[in-house]
Amino acid sequence: LAADSMEVVILSFLSNLFSHHPIINLQEAENSAEAMNLVVFPAGVVGAIVWGMLSDGVGRRPVFVGAASTIAVFGVATAFCNSYGWLLVTRLLVAFGIGGLTVPFGTFSEFLPPSQRGTNLVAVQVFCILGALVVHLT
């Protein structure tokens, strides 16, 4: 969940970073955070739907591994992008993978007794906050 949060928060830094980078030279239309958000957030919603349906069919563990692998592979691929188009594609695929991280959260809640769900599910969300803090502090 910390990595998930880091992937989402880093979006706010990408457009600013590339607008001041001397090598990339993005045009103003390409350098908008709105374009990135327009691609990324719908991909996360679609990913949640697709991964959720897959988890019902093939199981939660393979879906979690697939979602985590998608995030890892395309997160690393983001570092090698040499154009804004490829950056959008890799971030779209990362967001699609992040949509799959709802599956283990739901699984965790299913195994908790009702009296402990609230406390434990909120405790897990602390990692989202920690991930966001790591991005801001680095």
N, C-alpha and C. Protein backbone atom coordinates (compact mmCIF):
# COMPACT_ATOMS: atom_id res chain seq x y z
N LEU A 1 0.82 -1.20 0.00
CA LEU A 1 0.00 0.00 0.00
C LEU A 1 0.86 1.26 0.00
N ALA A 2 2.02 1.18 0.62
CA ALA A 2 2.92 2.34 0.59
C ALA A 2 3.39 2.59 -0.84
N ALA A 3 3.73 1.54 -1.56
CA ALA A 3 4.15 1.69 -2.95
C ALA A 3 3.02 2.21 -3.81
N ASP A 4 1.81 1.75 -3.56
CA ASP A 4 0.62 2.22 -4.27
C ASP A 4 0.46 3.72 -4.07
N SER A 5 0.56 4.15 -2.86
CA SER A 5 0.44 5.57 -2.54
C SER A 5 1.55 6.38 -3.20
N MET A 6 2.75 5.83 -3.20
CA MET A 6 3.88 6.53 -3.82
C MET A 6 3.65 6.71 -5.32
N GLU A 7 3.12 5.70 -5.97
CA GLU A 7 2.85 5.78 -7.41
C GLU A 7 1.82 6.85 -7.73
N VAL A 8 0.82 7.00 -6.89
CA VAL A 8 -0.21 8.01 -7.13
C VAL A 8 0.32 9.41 -6.84
N VAL A 9 1.02 9.57 -5.73
CA VAL A 9 1.51 10.89 -5.34
C VAL A 9 2.58 11.39 -6.30
N ILE A 10 3.35 10.49 -6.86
CA ILE A 10 4.44 10.92 -7.75
C ILE A 10 3.91 11.62 -9.00
N LEU A 11 2.64 11.41 -9.33
CA LEU A 11 2.06 12.08 -10.49
C LEU A 11 2.14 13.60 -10.36
N SER A 12 1.98 14.08 -9.15
CA SER A 12 2.01 15.53 -8.96
C SER A 12 3.40 16.11 -9.21
N PHE A 13 4.42 15.28 -9.12
CA PHE A 13 5.78 15.75 -9.33
C PHE A 13 6.26 15.57 -10.76
N LEU A 14 5.66 14.64 -11.50
CA LEU A 14 6.17 14.33 -12.84
C LEU A 14 6.08 15.51 -13.79
N SER A 15 4.92 16.15 -13.87
CA SER A 15 4.79 17.23 -14.83
C SER A 15 5.72 18.39 -14.49
N ASN A 16 5.88 18.68 -13.22
CA ASN A 16 6.79 19.75 -12.81
C ASN A 16 8.23 19.38 -13.13
N LEU A 17 8.60 18.14 -12.89
CA LEU A 17 9.96 17.69 -13.18
C LEU A 17 10.28 17.80 -14.66
N PHE A 18 9.37 17.33 -15.50
CA PHE A 18 9.65 17.34 -16.93
C PHE A 18 9.58 18.73 -17.54
N SER A 19 8.82 19.62 -16.94
CA SER A 19 8.75 20.97 -17.49
C SER A 19 10.06 21.73 -17.27
N HIS A 20 10.85 21.33 -16.28
CA HIS A 20 12.11 22.00 -15.99
C HIS A 20 13.34 21.19 -16.40
N HIS A 21 13.12 20.07 -17.05
CA HIS A 21 14.22 19.21 -17.45
C HIS A 21 14.76 19.66 -18.80
N PRO A 22 16.05 19.95 -18.91
CA PRO A 22 16.59 20.51 -20.15
C PRO A 22 16.61 19.54 -21.33
N ILE A 23 16.58 18.25 -21.09
CA ILE A 23 16.70 17.28 -22.18
C ILE A 23 15.35 16.97 -22.81
N ILE A 24 14.30 16.95 -22.02
CA ILE A 24 13.03 16.44 -22.50
C ILE A 24 12.27 17.42 -23.39
N ASN A 25 12.28 18.71 -23.09
CA ASN A 25 11.67 19.74 -23.93
C ASN A 25 10.24 19.42 -24.33
N LEU A 26 9.38 19.27 -23.37
CA LEU A 26 7.98 18.99 -23.67
C LEU A 26 7.27 20.26 -24.11
N GLN A 27 6.35 20.12 -25.03
CA GLN A 27 5.53 21.26 -25.41
C GLN A 27 4.53 21.53 -24.30
N GLU A 28 4.01 22.72 -24.26
CA GLU A 28 3.09 23.13 -23.19
C GLU A 28 1.86 22.23 -23.13
N ALA A 29 1.31 21.84 -24.28
CA ALA A 29 0.12 21.00 -24.29
C ALA A 29 0.42 19.62 -23.70
N GLU A 30 1.62 19.12 -23.99
CA GLU A 30 1.99 17.80 -23.47
C GLU A 30 2.30 17.85 -21.99
N ASN A 31 2.72 18.98 -21.50
CA ASN A 31 3.21 19.09 -20.15
C ASN A 31 2.12 19.43 -19.14
N SER A 32 0.95 18.94 -19.34
CA SER A 32 -0.11 19.28 -18.41
C SER A 32 -0.39 18.11 -17.48
N ALA A 33 -0.57 18.43 -16.23
CA ALA A 33 -0.93 17.41 -15.25
C ALA A 33 -2.31 16.86 -15.55
N GLU A 34 -3.15 17.66 -16.19
CA GLU A 34 -4.50 17.20 -16.52
C GLU A 34 -4.46 16.02 -17.49
N ALA A 35 -3.55 16.08 -18.46
CA ALA A 35 -3.43 14.97 -19.41
C ALA A 35 -3.01 13.70 -18.69
N MET A 36 -2.08 13.82 -17.77
CA MET A 36 -1.63 12.66 -17.00
C MET A 36 -2.78 12.10 -16.16
N ASN A 37 -3.50 12.98 -15.48
CA ASN A 37 -4.62 12.54 -14.65
C ASN A 37 -5.74 11.95 -15.50
N LEU A 38 -5.95 12.49 -16.68
CA LEU A 38 -6.99 12.00 -17.57
C LEU A 38 -6.70 10.56 -18.01
N VAL A 39 -5.45 10.21 -18.10
CA VAL A 39 -5.06 8.85 -18.47
C VAL A 39 -5.01 7.93 -17.26
N VAL A 40 -4.44 8.40 -16.17
CA VAL A 40 -4.12 7.53 -15.04
C VAL A 40 -5.34 7.14 -14.22
N PHE A 41 -6.14 8.08 -13.82
CA PHE A 41 -7.22 7.76 -12.90
C PHE A 41 -8.31 6.87 -13.50
N PRO A 42 -8.73 7.08 -14.75
CA PRO A 42 -9.67 6.12 -15.34
C PRO A 42 -9.05 4.72 -15.49
N ALA A 43 -7.74 4.65 -15.76
CA ALA A 43 -7.08 3.35 -15.87
C ALA A 43 -7.13 2.61 -14.54
N GLY A 44 -7.01 3.32 -13.44
CA GLY A 44 -7.12 2.70 -12.12
C GLY A 44 -8.51 2.14 -11.87
N VAL A 45 -9.53 2.86 -12.31
CA VAL A 45 -10.91 2.38 -12.15
C VAL A 45 -11.13 1.13 -13.00
N VAL A 46 -10.69 1.18 -14.25
CA VAL A 46 -10.83 0.02 -15.13
C VAL A 46 -10.04 -1.16 -14.56
N GLY A 47 -8.84 -0.88 -14.05
CA GLY A 47 -8.03 -1.94 -13.44
C GLY A 47 -8.72 -2.59 -12.26
N ALA A 48 -9.37 -1.81 -11.42
CA ALA A 48 -10.09 -2.37 -10.27
C ALA A 48 -11.20 -3.30 -10.73
N ILE A 49 -11.90 -2.91 -11.78
CA ILE A 49 -12.99 -3.75 -12.29
C ILE A 49 -12.44 -5.03 -12.90
N VAL A 50 -11.43 -4.89 -13.77
CA VAL A 50 -10.87 -6.07 -14.46
C VAL A 50 -10.20 -7.02 -13.48
N TRP A 51 -9.33 -6.49 -12.60
CA TRP A 51 -8.65 -7.36 -11.64
C TRP A 51 -9.65 -8.00 -10.69
N GLY A 52 -10.69 -7.26 -10.30
CA GLY A 52 -11.71 -7.81 -9.40
C GLY A 52 -12.45 -8.98 -10.05
N MET A 53 -12.81 -8.83 -11.31
CA MET A 53 -13.49 -9.94 -12.01
C MET A 53 -12.54 -11.11 -12.19
N LEU A 54 -11.28 -10.82 -12.50
CA LEU A 54 -10.29 -11.91 -12.63
C LEU A 54 -10.10 -12.65 -11.31
N SER A 55 -10.13 -11.94 -10.20
CA SER A 55 -9.92 -12.59 -8.91
C SER A 55 -11.05 -13.56 -8.59
N ASP A 56 -12.24 -13.27 -9.07
CA ASP A 56 -13.35 -14.21 -8.88
C ASP A 56 -13.16 -15.47 -9.71
N GLY A 57 -12.51 -15.32 -10.87
CA GLY A 57 -12.33 -16.46 -11.76
C GLY A 57 -11.08 -17.28 -11.50
N VAL A 58 -9.95 -16.64 -11.30
CA VAL A 58 -8.69 -17.37 -11.17
C VAL A 58 -8.13 -17.39 -9.76
N GLY A 59 -8.72 -16.60 -8.88
CA GLY A 59 -8.26 -16.57 -7.49
C GLY A 59 -7.56 -15.26 -7.16
N ARG A 60 -7.52 -14.98 -5.89
CA ARG A 60 -6.98 -13.70 -5.44
C ARG A 60 -5.46 -13.66 -5.47
N ARG A 61 -4.81 -14.75 -5.15
CA ARG A 61 -3.35 -14.74 -5.12
C ARG A 61 -2.75 -14.47 -6.51
N PRO A 62 -3.17 -15.19 -7.56
CA PRO A 62 -2.60 -14.88 -8.88
C PRO A 62 -2.89 -13.44 -9.33
N VAL A 63 -4.04 -12.92 -8.95
CA VAL A 63 -4.37 -11.55 -9.32
C VAL A 63 -3.48 -10.57 -8.57
N PHE A 64 -3.24 -10.83 -7.30
CA PHE A 64 -2.35 -9.94 -6.54
C PHE A 64 -0.95 -9.97 -7.13
N VAL A 65 -0.45 -11.15 -7.46
CA VAL A 65 0.88 -11.26 -8.07
C VAL A 65 0.91 -10.55 -9.42
N GLY A 66 -0.14 -10.72 -10.21
CA GLY A 66 -0.21 -10.06 -11.51
C GLY A 66 -0.26 -8.55 -11.40
N ALA A 67 -1.06 -8.06 -10.47
CA ALA A 67 -1.17 -6.61 -10.27
C ALA A 67 0.15 -6.03 -9.76
N ALA A 68 0.76 -6.69 -8.79
CA ALA A 68 2.04 -6.22 -8.25
C ALA A 68 3.13 -6.26 -9.32
N SER A 69 3.13 -7.30 -10.14
CA SER A 69 4.11 -7.41 -11.22
C SER A 69 3.91 -6.32 -12.27
N THR A 70 2.66 -6.04 -12.59
CA THR A 70 2.35 -4.98 -13.56
C THR A 70 2.87 -3.63 -13.05
N ILE A 71 2.62 -3.36 -11.78
CA ILE A 71 3.09 -2.10 -11.19
C ILE A 71 4.61 -2.03 -11.22
N ALA A 72 5.27 -3.13 -10.84
CA ALA A 72 6.74 -3.14 -10.78
C ALA A 72 7.36 -2.97 -12.16
N VAL A 73 6.89 -3.74 -13.14
CA VAL A 73 7.49 -3.71 -14.48
C VAL A 73 7.30 -2.35 -15.13
N PHE A 74 6.08 -1.84 -15.11
CA PHE A 74 5.83 -0.57 -15.79
C PHE A 74 6.27 0.63 -14.96
N GLY A 75 6.40 0.45 -13.65
CA GLY A 75 7.00 1.50 -12.82
C GLY A 75 8.46 1.70 -13.17
N VAL A 76 9.18 0.59 -13.35
CA VAL A 76 10.58 0.67 -13.76
C VAL A 76 10.68 1.18 -15.20
N ALA A 77 9.77 0.73 -16.06
CA ALA A 77 9.80 1.17 -17.45
C ALA A 77 9.60 2.68 -17.57
N THR A 78 8.91 3.28 -16.61
CA THR A 78 8.73 4.73 -16.61
C THR A 78 10.07 5.45 -16.61
N ALA A 79 11.03 4.89 -15.93
CA ALA A 79 12.35 5.53 -15.84
C ALA A 79 13.06 5.57 -17.20
N PHE A 80 12.67 4.73 -18.13
CA PHE A 80 13.33 4.65 -19.42
C PHE A 80 12.57 5.34 -20.54
N CYS A 81 11.49 6.03 -20.21
CA CYS A 81 10.69 6.72 -21.22
C CYS A 81 11.47 7.89 -21.79
N ASN A 82 11.43 8.01 -23.12
CA ASN A 82 12.12 9.14 -23.76
C ASN A 82 11.15 10.07 -24.48
N SER A 83 9.85 9.84 -24.29
CA SER A 83 8.86 10.75 -24.86
C SER A 83 7.65 10.80 -23.93
N TYR A 84 6.89 11.85 -24.09
CA TYR A 84 5.71 12.02 -23.24
C TYR A 84 4.67 10.94 -23.53
N GLY A 85 4.58 10.51 -24.77
CA GLY A 85 3.63 9.45 -25.14
C GLY A 85 3.93 8.15 -24.40
N TRP A 86 5.20 7.76 -24.38
CA TRP A 86 5.57 6.54 -23.66
C TRP A 86 5.38 6.70 -22.16
N LEU A 87 5.62 7.91 -21.66
CA LEU A 87 5.38 8.17 -20.25
C LEU A 87 3.91 7.95 -19.91
N LEU A 88 3.02 8.46 -20.76
CA LEU A 88 1.59 8.26 -20.52
C LEU A 88 1.22 6.77 -20.57
N VAL A 89 1.79 6.04 -21.52
CA VAL A 89 1.49 4.61 -21.64
C VAL A 89 1.95 3.85 -20.40
N THR A 90 3.18 4.10 -19.96
CA THR A 90 3.67 3.36 -18.79
C THR A 90 2.90 3.73 -17.53
N ARG A 91 2.57 5.01 -17.37
CA ARG A 91 1.80 5.42 -16.18
C ARG A 91 0.39 4.87 -16.23
N LEU A 92 -0.19 4.76 -17.43
CA LEU A 92 -1.51 4.14 -17.59
C LEU A 92 -1.47 2.69 -17.11
N LEU A 93 -0.44 1.96 -17.51
CA LEU A 93 -0.33 0.55 -17.13
C LEU A 93 -0.03 0.39 -15.64
N VAL A 94 0.74 1.31 -15.07
CA VAL A 94 0.95 1.29 -13.62
C VAL A 94 -0.38 1.50 -12.90
N ALA A 95 -1.15 2.47 -13.36
CA ALA A 95 -2.45 2.75 -12.74
C ALA A 95 -3.39 1.57 -12.88
N PHE A 96 -3.35 0.90 -14.03
CA PHE A 96 -4.16 -0.30 -14.22
C PHE A 96 -3.78 -1.35 -13.18
N GLY A 97 -2.49 -1.52 -12.94
CA GLY A 97 -2.03 -2.46 -11.91
C GLY A 97 -2.45 -2.04 -10.52
N ILE A 98 -2.39 -0.74 -10.23
CA ILE A 98 -2.80 -0.25 -8.91
C ILE A 98 -4.26 -0.57 -8.64
N GLY A 99 -5.07 -0.57 -9.68
CA GLY A 99 -6.47 -0.96 -9.52
C GLY A 99 -6.62 -2.36 -8.94
N GLY A 100 -5.65 -3.22 -9.18
CA GLY A 100 -5.70 -4.58 -8.66
C GLY A 100 -5.34 -4.69 -7.19
N LEU A 101 -4.80 -3.63 -6.61
CA LEU A 101 -4.43 -3.70 -5.20
C LEU A 101 -5.63 -3.62 -4.26
N THR A 102 -6.80 -3.41 -4.82
CA THR A 102 -8.01 -3.48 -3.98
C THR A 102 -8.34 -4.92 -3.62
N VAL A 103 -7.88 -5.86 -4.42
CA VAL A 103 -8.19 -7.29 -4.19
C VAL A 103 -7.62 -7.79 -2.87
N PRO A 104 -6.33 -7.60 -2.56
CA PRO A 104 -5.83 -8.11 -1.27
C PRO A 104 -6.43 -7.37 -0.07
N PHE A 105 -6.78 -6.11 -0.25
CA PHE A 105 -7.41 -5.37 0.85
C PHE A 105 -8.77 -5.99 1.19
N GLY A 106 -9.52 -6.34 0.15
CA GLY A 106 -10.80 -7.01 0.37
C GLY A 106 -10.63 -8.39 0.98
N THR A 107 -9.61 -9.10 0.54
CA THR A 107 -9.33 -10.43 1.10
C THR A 107 -8.98 -10.32 2.58
N PHE A 108 -8.15 -9.35 2.92
CA PHE A 108 -7.76 -9.13 4.31
C PHE A 108 -9.00 -8.88 5.17
N SER A 109 -9.90 -8.07 4.66
CA SER A 109 -11.11 -7.76 5.44
C SER A 109 -12.01 -8.99 5.62
N GLU A 110 -11.99 -9.90 4.67
CA GLU A 110 -12.81 -11.10 4.78
C GLU A 110 -12.32 -12.03 5.89
N PHE A 111 -11.03 -12.02 6.16
CA PHE A 111 -10.47 -12.92 7.16
C PHE A 111 -10.49 -12.34 8.57
N LEU A 112 -10.80 -11.08 8.70
CA LEU A 112 -10.84 -10.47 10.03
C LEU A 112 -12.20 -10.68 10.67
N PRO A 113 -12.21 -10.92 11.97
CA PRO A 113 -13.50 -10.98 12.65
C PRO A 113 -14.14 -9.59 12.63
N PRO A 114 -15.46 -9.52 12.56
CA PRO A 114 -16.12 -8.21 12.46
C PRO A 114 -15.71 -7.22 13.56
N SER A 115 -15.43 -7.71 14.74
CA SER A 115 -15.07 -6.80 15.84
C SER A 115 -13.69 -6.15 15.64
N GLN A 116 -12.84 -6.73 14.77
CA GLN A 116 -11.49 -6.21 14.57
C GLN A 116 -11.29 -5.55 13.20
N ARG A 117 -12.30 -5.57 12.36
CA ARG A 117 -12.14 -5.05 11.00
C ARG A 117 -11.78 -3.57 10.97
N GLY A 118 -12.53 -2.77 11.68
CA GLY A 118 -12.30 -1.32 11.64
C GLY A 118 -10.88 -0.95 12.04
N THR A 119 -10.45 -1.46 13.17
CA THR A 119 -9.12 -1.13 13.68
C THR A 119 -8.02 -1.61 12.73
N ASN A 120 -8.11 -2.82 12.26
CA ASN A 120 -7.05 -3.38 11.42
C ASN A 120 -7.03 -2.78 10.02
N LEU A 121 -8.19 -2.50 9.45
CA LEU A 121 -8.22 -1.91 8.11
C LEU A 121 -7.71 -0.48 8.13
N VAL A 122 -7.99 0.25 9.19
CA VAL A 122 -7.44 1.60 9.31
C VAL A 122 -5.93 1.53 9.54
N ALA A 123 -5.48 0.57 10.33
CA ALA A 123 -4.04 0.42 10.58
C ALA A 123 -3.29 0.14 9.29
N VAL A 124 -3.87 -0.65 8.40
CA VAL A 124 -3.23 -0.95 7.12
C VAL A 124 -3.11 0.33 6.28
N GLN A 125 -4.10 1.19 6.37
CA GLN A 125 -4.09 2.42 5.57
C GLN A 125 -2.99 3.39 6.01
N VAL A 126 -2.42 3.18 7.18
CA VAL A 126 -1.29 4.01 7.62
C VAL A 126 -0.15 3.91 6.62
N PHE A 127 -0.02 2.76 5.97
CA PHE A 127 1.05 2.59 4.98
C PHE A 127 0.85 3.49 3.77
N CYS A 128 -0.40 3.80 3.44
CA CYS A 128 -0.65 4.77 2.36
C CYS A 128 -0.10 6.13 2.74
N ILE A 129 -0.32 6.51 3.96
CA ILE A 129 0.18 7.80 4.44
C ILE A 129 1.71 7.80 4.44
N LEU A 130 2.30 6.72 4.89
CA LEU A 130 3.77 6.63 4.92
C LEU A 130 4.35 6.71 3.52
N GLY A 131 3.72 6.05 2.56
CA GLY A 131 4.18 6.11 1.18
C GLY A 131 4.13 7.51 0.63
N ALA A 132 3.06 8.21 0.90
CA ALA A 132 2.94 9.59 0.44
C ALA A 132 3.99 10.49 1.07
N LEU A 133 4.26 10.26 2.35
CA LEU A 133 5.29 11.05 3.04
C LEU A 133 6.67 10.79 2.47
N VAL A 134 6.96 9.56 2.14
CA VAL A 134 8.27 9.23 1.57
C VAL A 134 8.50 10.00 0.26
N VAL A 135 7.47 10.07 -0.58
CA VAL A 135 7.60 10.80 -1.85
C VAL A 135 7.86 12.28 -1.58
N HIS A 136 7.12 12.85 -0.66
CA HIS A 136 7.28 14.27 -0.38
C HIS A 136 8.62 14.60 0.28
N LEU A 137 9.15 13.67 1.03
CA LEU A 137 10.39 13.93 1.74
C LEU A 137 11.64 13.66 0.91
N THR A 138 11.48 12.94 -0.20
CA THR A 138 12.65 12.63 -1.03
C THR A 138 12.80 13.56 -2.20
